[in-house]
N, C-alpha and C. Protein backbone atom coordinates (compact mmCIF):
# COMPACT_ATOMS: atom_id res chain seq x y z
N SER A 1 19.21 10.50 3.40
CA SER A 1 19.28 10.99 2.14
C SER A 1 20.79 11.40 2.06
N SER A 2 21.32 11.67 0.89
CA SER A 2 22.67 11.99 0.63
C SER A 2 23.06 13.30 1.29
N LYS A 3 22.20 14.06 1.67
CA LYS A 3 22.45 15.31 2.31
C LYS A 3 22.49 15.41 3.76
N GLY A 4 22.48 14.00 4.21
CA GLY A 4 22.73 13.77 5.80
C GLY A 4 21.47 13.93 6.53
N ALA A 5 20.26 14.06 5.94
CA ALA A 5 19.10 14.28 6.54
C ALA A 5 18.65 13.01 7.19
N SER A 6 17.90 12.87 8.22
CA SER A 6 17.48 11.55 8.74
C SER A 6 15.80 11.88 9.16
N GLY A 7 15.24 10.87 9.34
CA GLY A 7 13.78 10.97 9.52
C GLY A 7 13.17 9.69 9.56
N PRO A 8 11.85 9.66 9.91
CA PRO A 8 10.99 8.44 9.75
C PRO A 8 10.56 8.42 8.34
N GLY A 9 10.40 7.20 7.88
CA GLY A 9 10.00 6.69 6.59
C GLY A 9 8.59 6.90 6.55
N GLY A 10 7.92 7.00 5.31
CA GLY A 10 6.43 7.04 5.29
C GLY A 10 6.04 6.50 3.88
N SER A 11 4.75 6.34 3.60
CA SER A 11 4.24 5.96 2.47
C SER A 11 2.89 6.39 2.35
N ALA A 12 2.29 6.33 1.19
CA ALA A 12 1.04 6.85 0.81
C ALA A 12 0.61 6.22 -0.53
N PRO A 13 -0.61 5.57 -0.60
CA PRO A 13 -0.94 4.85 -1.73
C PRO A 13 -1.40 6.09 -2.97
N ILE A 14 -1.29 5.63 -4.00
CA ILE A 14 -1.46 6.65 -5.09
C ILE A 14 -2.64 6.00 -5.73
N LYS A 15 -3.78 6.86 -5.83
CA LYS A 15 -5.21 6.53 -6.36
C LYS A 15 -5.52 7.58 -7.40
N ALA A 16 -5.62 7.18 -8.54
CA ALA A 16 -6.26 8.01 -9.66
C ALA A 16 -5.31 9.31 -9.78
N GLY A 17 -3.98 8.98 -9.49
CA GLY A 17 -3.02 9.94 -9.82
C GLY A 17 -2.65 10.95 -8.77
N THR A 18 -3.28 10.71 -7.53
CA THR A 18 -3.13 11.67 -6.25
C THR A 18 -2.65 10.69 -5.05
N TYR A 19 -2.07 11.31 -4.21
CA TYR A 19 -1.72 10.90 -2.87
C TYR A 19 -1.71 11.90 -1.94
N ASP A 20 -1.77 11.29 -0.63
CA ASP A 20 -1.81 12.12 0.53
C ASP A 20 -1.28 11.64 1.72
N THR A 21 0.13 12.16 1.96
CA THR A 21 0.86 11.58 3.04
C THR A 21 0.19 12.09 4.41
N GLY A 22 -0.48 13.09 4.33
CA GLY A 22 -0.97 13.64 5.63
C GLY A 22 -2.15 12.59 6.26
N LYS A 23 -2.54 11.60 5.72
CA LYS A 23 -3.36 10.80 6.07
C LYS A 23 -2.53 9.63 6.79
N THR A 24 -1.31 9.60 6.58
CA THR A 24 -0.59 8.63 7.18
C THR A 24 0.55 9.32 8.14
N GLN A 25 1.84 9.06 8.20
CA GLN A 25 2.71 9.78 9.28
C GLN A 25 3.08 11.20 8.63
N GLY A 26 3.01 11.31 7.37
CA GLY A 26 3.35 12.54 6.80
C GLY A 26 4.83 12.81 6.62
N VAL A 27 5.39 13.74 6.43
CA VAL A 27 6.86 13.91 6.15
C VAL A 27 7.40 15.08 6.92
N VAL A 28 8.80 15.04 7.40
CA VAL A 28 9.22 16.09 8.37
C VAL A 28 9.61 17.31 7.58
N GLY A 29 9.77 17.06 6.33
CA GLY A 29 10.46 18.21 5.39
C GLY A 29 12.07 18.08 5.44
N GLY A 30 12.50 18.88 4.60
CA GLY A 30 14.15 18.90 4.33
C GLY A 30 14.45 17.93 3.29
N ALA A 31 15.64 17.42 3.15
CA ALA A 31 16.16 16.58 2.13
C ALA A 31 15.43 15.16 2.20
N THR A 32 14.76 14.88 1.14
CA THR A 32 13.96 13.68 1.15
C THR A 32 14.14 12.80 -0.02
N VAL A 33 14.14 11.67 -0.02
CA VAL A 33 14.17 10.78 -1.15
C VAL A 33 12.80 10.12 -1.34
N ILE A 34 12.38 10.38 -2.55
CA ILE A 34 10.99 10.10 -2.97
C ILE A 34 11.16 8.79 -3.76
N ARG A 35 10.45 7.76 -3.49
CA ARG A 35 10.48 6.53 -4.29
C ARG A 35 9.19 6.23 -4.74
N VAL A 36 8.82 6.23 -5.86
CA VAL A 36 7.56 5.70 -6.62
C VAL A 36 7.59 4.30 -7.19
N GLU A 37 6.53 3.64 -6.78
CA GLU A 37 6.37 2.24 -7.50
C GLU A 37 5.01 2.00 -7.86
N GLY A 38 4.82 1.50 -8.96
CA GLY A 38 3.28 1.37 -9.62
C GLY A 38 2.95 -0.06 -9.86
N PHE A 39 1.67 -0.58 -9.65
CA PHE A 39 1.37 -1.88 -9.89
C PHE A 39 -0.05 -1.80 -10.50
N ASP A 40 -0.30 -3.14 -11.36
CA ASP A 40 -1.62 -3.00 -12.01
C ASP A 40 -2.87 -3.27 -11.24
N GLY A 41 -2.64 -3.53 -9.91
CA GLY A 41 -3.67 -3.82 -8.99
C GLY A 41 -4.29 -5.32 -9.24
N LYS A 42 -3.93 -6.21 -9.94
CA LYS A 42 -4.28 -7.50 -10.19
C LYS A 42 -3.69 -8.44 -9.18
N THR A 43 -4.26 -8.41 -7.93
CA THR A 43 -3.51 -9.16 -6.79
C THR A 43 -3.67 -10.57 -6.92
N THR A 44 -2.44 -11.35 -6.48
CA THR A 44 -2.48 -12.69 -6.21
C THR A 44 -1.88 -12.80 -4.82
N PRO A 45 -1.91 -14.07 -4.18
CA PRO A 45 -1.09 -14.31 -2.88
C PRO A 45 0.11 -13.96 -2.92
N ASP A 46 0.89 -14.11 -4.09
CA ASP A 46 2.32 -13.79 -4.08
C ASP A 46 2.50 -12.45 -4.41
N LYS A 47 1.50 -11.62 -5.00
CA LYS A 47 1.64 -10.35 -5.55
C LYS A 47 0.62 -9.45 -4.92
N PRO A 48 0.76 -8.87 -3.56
CA PRO A 48 -0.29 -8.31 -2.88
C PRO A 48 -0.79 -7.03 -3.86
N TYR A 49 0.05 -6.35 -4.54
CA TYR A 49 -0.15 -5.22 -5.28
C TYR A 49 -0.50 -5.45 -6.70
N GLY A 50 -0.21 -6.71 -7.28
CA GLY A 50 -0.10 -7.12 -8.59
C GLY A 50 1.16 -6.96 -9.19
N ASP A 51 1.22 -6.90 -10.46
CA ASP A 51 2.61 -6.91 -11.21
C ASP A 51 3.08 -5.36 -11.36
N PRO A 52 4.26 -5.14 -11.31
CA PRO A 52 4.75 -3.55 -11.62
C PRO A 52 4.44 -3.29 -12.93
N ILE A 53 3.96 -1.95 -13.16
CA ILE A 53 3.87 -1.38 -14.39
C ILE A 53 5.05 -0.41 -15.01
N PHE A 54 5.93 -0.30 -13.83
CA PHE A 54 7.17 0.42 -14.28
C PHE A 54 8.29 0.01 -13.30
N MET A 55 9.53 0.39 -13.51
CA MET A 55 10.64 0.21 -12.52
C MET A 55 10.42 1.22 -11.35
N PRO A 56 10.91 0.78 -10.20
CA PRO A 56 10.78 1.85 -9.10
C PRO A 56 11.57 2.99 -9.53
N TYR A 57 11.03 4.27 -9.25
CA TYR A 57 11.50 5.48 -9.55
C TYR A 57 11.89 6.35 -8.40
N SER A 58 12.99 6.86 -8.34
CA SER A 58 13.49 7.63 -7.06
C SER A 58 13.96 9.01 -7.49
N ILE A 59 13.70 10.15 -6.63
CA ILE A 59 14.18 11.35 -6.87
C ILE A 59 14.32 11.96 -5.48
N GLU A 60 15.31 12.84 -5.50
CA GLU A 60 15.62 13.60 -4.27
C GLU A 60 15.02 14.99 -4.29
N ALA A 61 14.31 15.27 -3.07
CA ALA A 61 13.60 16.75 -3.05
C ALA A 61 13.94 17.27 -1.81
N ASP A 62 13.98 18.60 -1.75
CA ASP A 62 14.05 19.53 -0.45
C ASP A 62 12.70 19.87 -0.33
N LEU A 63 11.98 19.24 0.68
CA LEU A 63 10.54 19.63 0.99
C LEU A 63 10.60 20.53 1.95
N PRO A 64 9.58 21.53 2.11
CA PRO A 64 9.43 22.36 3.21
C PRO A 64 8.74 21.69 4.53
N LYS A 65 8.90 22.13 5.58
CA LYS A 65 8.26 21.71 6.82
C LYS A 65 6.92 22.10 7.04
N SER A 66 6.36 22.93 6.12
CA SER A 66 4.94 23.07 6.22
C SER A 66 4.35 22.32 5.16
N LYS A 67 2.87 22.35 5.31
CA LYS A 67 2.02 21.55 4.25
C LYS A 67 2.32 22.05 2.82
N THR A 68 2.42 21.02 1.84
CA THR A 68 2.73 21.56 0.53
C THR A 68 2.30 20.41 -0.33
N THR A 69 2.47 20.77 -1.51
CA THR A 69 1.95 19.80 -2.75
C THR A 69 3.31 19.47 -3.60
N GLN A 70 3.58 18.21 -3.78
CA GLN A 70 4.79 17.81 -4.52
C GLN A 70 4.26 17.05 -5.81
N ASP A 71 4.27 17.65 -6.86
CA ASP A 71 3.94 16.74 -7.93
C ASP A 71 5.20 15.97 -8.47
N ILE A 72 4.90 14.62 -8.88
CA ILE A 72 5.99 13.72 -9.26
C ILE A 72 5.57 13.10 -10.51
N ASP A 73 6.46 13.33 -11.33
CA ASP A 73 6.36 12.78 -12.94
C ASP A 73 7.37 11.67 -13.09
N VAL A 74 6.65 10.42 -13.11
CA VAL A 74 7.57 9.24 -13.47
C VAL A 74 7.78 9.25 -14.92
N PRO A 75 9.01 9.20 -15.45
CA PRO A 75 9.25 9.24 -16.92
C PRO A 75 8.80 7.94 -17.40
N GLY A 76 8.47 8.04 -18.69
CA GLY A 76 8.03 6.82 -19.51
C GLY A 76 9.05 5.91 -19.72
N SER A 77 10.49 6.28 -19.51
CA SER A 77 11.63 5.38 -19.49
C SER A 77 11.52 4.38 -18.54
N ALA A 78 10.86 4.55 -17.30
CA ALA A 78 10.66 3.83 -16.14
C ALA A 78 10.09 2.57 -16.81
N ALA A 79 8.94 2.69 -17.48
CA ALA A 79 8.10 1.68 -18.03
C ALA A 79 9.06 0.86 -19.17
N GLU A 80 9.72 1.58 -19.94
CA GLU A 80 10.57 0.99 -20.83
C GLU A 80 11.61 0.24 -20.22
N LYS A 81 12.21 0.44 -19.20
CA LYS A 81 13.27 -0.29 -18.55
C LYS A 81 12.61 -1.66 -18.04
N LEU A 82 11.41 -1.47 -17.65
CA LEU A 82 10.72 -2.77 -17.04
C LEU A 82 10.53 -3.66 -18.08
N SER A 83 10.01 -3.27 -19.39
CA SER A 83 9.61 -4.15 -20.46
C SER A 83 11.01 -4.85 -20.89
N LYS A 84 12.15 -4.21 -20.75
CA LYS A 84 13.58 -4.75 -21.20
C LYS A 84 13.89 -5.96 -20.13
N VAL A 85 13.64 -5.60 -18.90
CA VAL A 85 13.88 -6.60 -17.88
C VAL A 85 13.03 -7.73 -17.82
N SER A 86 11.69 -7.46 -18.19
CA SER A 86 10.67 -8.53 -18.33
C SER A 86 10.84 -9.48 -19.49
N ASP A 87 11.40 -8.84 -20.61
CA ASP A 87 11.51 -9.59 -21.79
C ASP A 87 12.84 -9.21 -22.58
N PRO A 88 13.82 -9.64 -22.07
CA PRO A 88 15.08 -9.38 -22.62
C PRO A 88 15.20 -9.89 -24.00
N ALA A 89 15.73 -8.94 -25.02
CA ALA A 89 15.56 -9.57 -26.51
C ALA A 89 17.07 -10.09 -26.75
């Protein structure tokens, strides 16, 4: 992260608006960059997750080292930016 922290990367699928990194590697806490990507789930051989429904969204957070909940709100502008990239006028 920009705060000089380092640690292993991790990921978790989002289903019905929730995710749980505890089912995978989890997070180590401290300064963290959170990146969210969303897809329509209509898979093809070339698109294993489907088409994107918004532009990748990143935020920085200072997460505790203990188990916690982190709510992430992807702004509507992320979808608006995707439509501008997909269909430039």
